[in-house]
Amino acid sequence: MQSKKIWANFPVSDLQRTTRFYKQLGFKSNGSSDQLTSFFFGDNDFIIHFFLKEILEPAMKGPVVDAKTGNEIIFTLSAGTRAEVDAWEKEIREAGGTIVSQPEVFGDNYYGFVFADPDGHRYNVFQM
């Protein structure tokens, strides 16, 4: 099997709040509609579509997890320096994200933290 492209689809409860959050963090919009808002992530323009939960859930043929009470998946965003990790932590907090863990050292030469967006979707920010 060979896929031409891969992207992620996340359920959200408020498209305007989600759009504001990711725009405030500087992510480039991939467009929006009355059902979704979409953004590019990283140098390779990985796409994450944020669909209204009531739109995405029927397409998934089953219930979606409440990301605020459980874990679904965690994406890692790469930072270039420790100073950049610390700056992102501040920007995310100011944009309304939840800092799950403060920036800290992990193993040899890893520095980062975990945050959640307003709907509970989790990300690592790591400098390696």
Protein backbone atom coordinates (compact mmCIF):
# COMPACT_ATOMS: atom_id res chain seq x y z
CA MET A 1 0.00 0.00 0.00
CA GLN A 2 1.36 3.41 -0.92
CA SER A 3 -0.37 6.55 0.27
CA LYS A 4 0.11 9.81 -1.62
CA LYS A 5 -0.44 11.97 1.44
CA ILE A 6 -1.29 11.78 5.12
CA TRP A 7 -3.04 14.31 7.33
CA ALA A 8 -4.87 14.36 10.66
CA ASN A 9 -8.49 15.09 11.52
CA PHE A 10 -9.34 16.27 15.04
CA PRO A 11 -12.76 16.97 16.56
CA VAL A 12 -13.33 20.39 18.12
CA SER A 13 -16.25 22.13 19.76
CA ASP A 14 -15.65 25.73 18.61
CA LEU A 15 -14.15 26.55 15.19
CA GLN A 16 -13.59 30.24 15.95
CA ARG A 17 -11.71 29.47 19.18
CA THR A 18 -9.58 26.84 17.42
CA THR A 19 -8.79 29.21 14.55
CA ARG A 20 -7.81 32.02 16.94
CA PHE A 21 -5.57 29.68 18.97
CA TYR A 22 -3.54 28.32 16.05
CA LYS A 23 -3.34 31.69 14.25
CA GLN A 24 -2.09 33.32 17.46
CA LEU A 25 0.67 30.70 17.58
CA GLY A 26 1.64 31.61 14.00
CA PHE A 27 0.51 28.50 12.13
CA LYS A 28 -0.46 29.05 8.48
CA SER A 29 -4.12 28.54 7.65
CA ASN A 30 -5.08 25.93 5.07
CA GLY A 31 -8.61 27.33 4.81
CA SER A 32 -11.86 26.93 6.64
CA SER A 33 -15.58 26.38 6.18
CA ASP A 34 -18.63 26.11 8.39
CA GLN A 35 -17.50 22.54 9.24
CA LEU A 36 -13.74 22.82 9.73
CA THR A 37 -10.65 24.96 10.11
CA SER A 38 -7.33 23.66 8.81
CA PHE A 39 -3.65 24.50 9.38
CA PHE A 40 -0.21 23.60 8.04
CA PHE A 41 2.41 22.32 10.52
CA GLY A 42 6.17 22.10 10.03
CA ASP A 43 8.51 22.44 7.08
CA ASN A 44 6.67 19.74 5.11
CA ASP A 45 3.26 21.37 5.59
CA PHE A 46 1.64 18.50 7.48
CA ILE A 47 -2.06 19.30 7.55
CA ILE A 48 -4.37 19.04 10.53
CA HIS A 49 -8.08 19.57 9.87
CA PHE A 50 -10.08 20.56 12.95
CA PHE A 51 -13.67 19.46 12.30
CA LEU A 52 -16.68 20.24 14.43
CA LYS A 53 -17.21 17.12 16.53
CA GLU A 54 -20.75 16.63 15.23
CA ILE A 55 -19.40 16.53 11.66
CA LEU A 56 -16.39 14.24 12.30
CA GLU A 57 -17.99 11.71 14.65
CA PRO A 58 -20.45 10.19 12.13
CA ALA A 59 -17.67 9.94 9.53
CA MET A 60 -15.57 7.94 12.03
CA LYS A 61 -18.38 5.41 12.41
CA GLY A 62 -18.14 5.59 16.19
CA PRO A 63 -17.61 7.91 19.13
CA VAL A 64 -14.59 10.15 19.40
CA VAL A 65 -12.60 10.31 22.62
CA ASP A 66 -12.92 13.33 24.90
CA ALA A 67 -9.33 14.57 24.62
CA LYS A 68 -9.69 16.51 27.88
CA THR A 69 -10.18 13.31 29.87
CA GLY A 70 -8.07 10.81 27.91
CA ASN A 71 -5.23 10.63 25.43
CA GLU A 72 -5.75 10.09 21.72
CA ILE A 73 -2.40 10.81 20.05
CA ILE A 74 0.45 13.19 20.66
CA PHE A 75 2.28 15.06 17.92
CA THR A 76 5.77 16.41 18.49
CA LEU A 77 6.71 19.88 17.26
CA SER A 78 10.45 20.36 16.79
CA ALA A 79 12.12 23.45 18.23
CA GLY A 80 15.61 24.59 17.24
CA THR A 81 16.88 25.75 20.63
CA ARG A 82 16.04 25.62 24.33
CA ALA A 83 15.24 29.34 24.17
CA GLU A 84 12.71 28.60 21.42
CA VAL A 85 11.09 25.89 23.59
CA ASP A 86 10.77 28.39 26.45
CA ALA A 87 9.34 31.06 24.12
CA TRP A 88 6.77 28.61 22.73
CA GLU A 89 5.68 27.66 26.25
CA LYS A 90 4.93 31.34 26.96
CA GLU A 91 3.17 31.88 23.59
CA ILE A 92 1.00 28.78 24.02
CA ARG A 93 -0.05 29.80 27.54
CA GLU A 94 -0.88 33.34 26.32
CA ALA A 95 -2.92 31.92 23.41
CA GLY A 96 -5.11 29.93 25.82
CA GLY A 97 -3.39 26.55 25.69
CA THR A 98 -2.87 24.39 28.77
CA ILE A 99 0.71 23.65 29.81
CA VAL A 100 0.59 19.98 30.86
CA SER A 101 4.25 19.84 31.87
CA GLN A 102 6.79 22.64 32.28
CA PRO A 103 9.90 22.66 30.05
CA GLU A 104 12.40 20.13 31.37
CA VAL A 105 15.37 17.98 30.35
CA PHE A 106 14.62 14.44 29.10
CA GLY A 107 17.48 11.97 28.77
CA ASP A 108 20.53 13.09 26.83
CA ASN A 109 20.08 16.36 24.95
CA TYR A 110 16.26 16.45 24.96
CA TYR A 111 14.44 19.50 26.31
CA GLY A 112 10.74 20.15 26.04
CA PHE A 113 7.23 20.19 27.43
CA VAL A 114 3.70 19.01 26.74
CA PHE A 115 0.73 21.27 26.05
CA ALA A 116 -2.92 20.88 25.13
CA ASP A 117 -4.95 23.08 22.82
CA PRO A 118 -8.36 24.39 24.00
CA ASP A 119 -10.03 21.08 23.03
CA GLY A 120 -7.44 18.97 24.86
CA HIS A 121 -5.38 17.77 21.85
CA ARG A 122 -1.83 17.22 23.11
CA TYR A 123 1.51 18.14 21.62
CA ASN A 124 5.14 17.81 22.67
CA VAL A 125 7.51 20.65 21.94
CA PHE A 126 11.04 19.20 21.84
CA GLN A 127 14.51 20.51 21.17
CA MET A 128 16.88 17.66 20.34
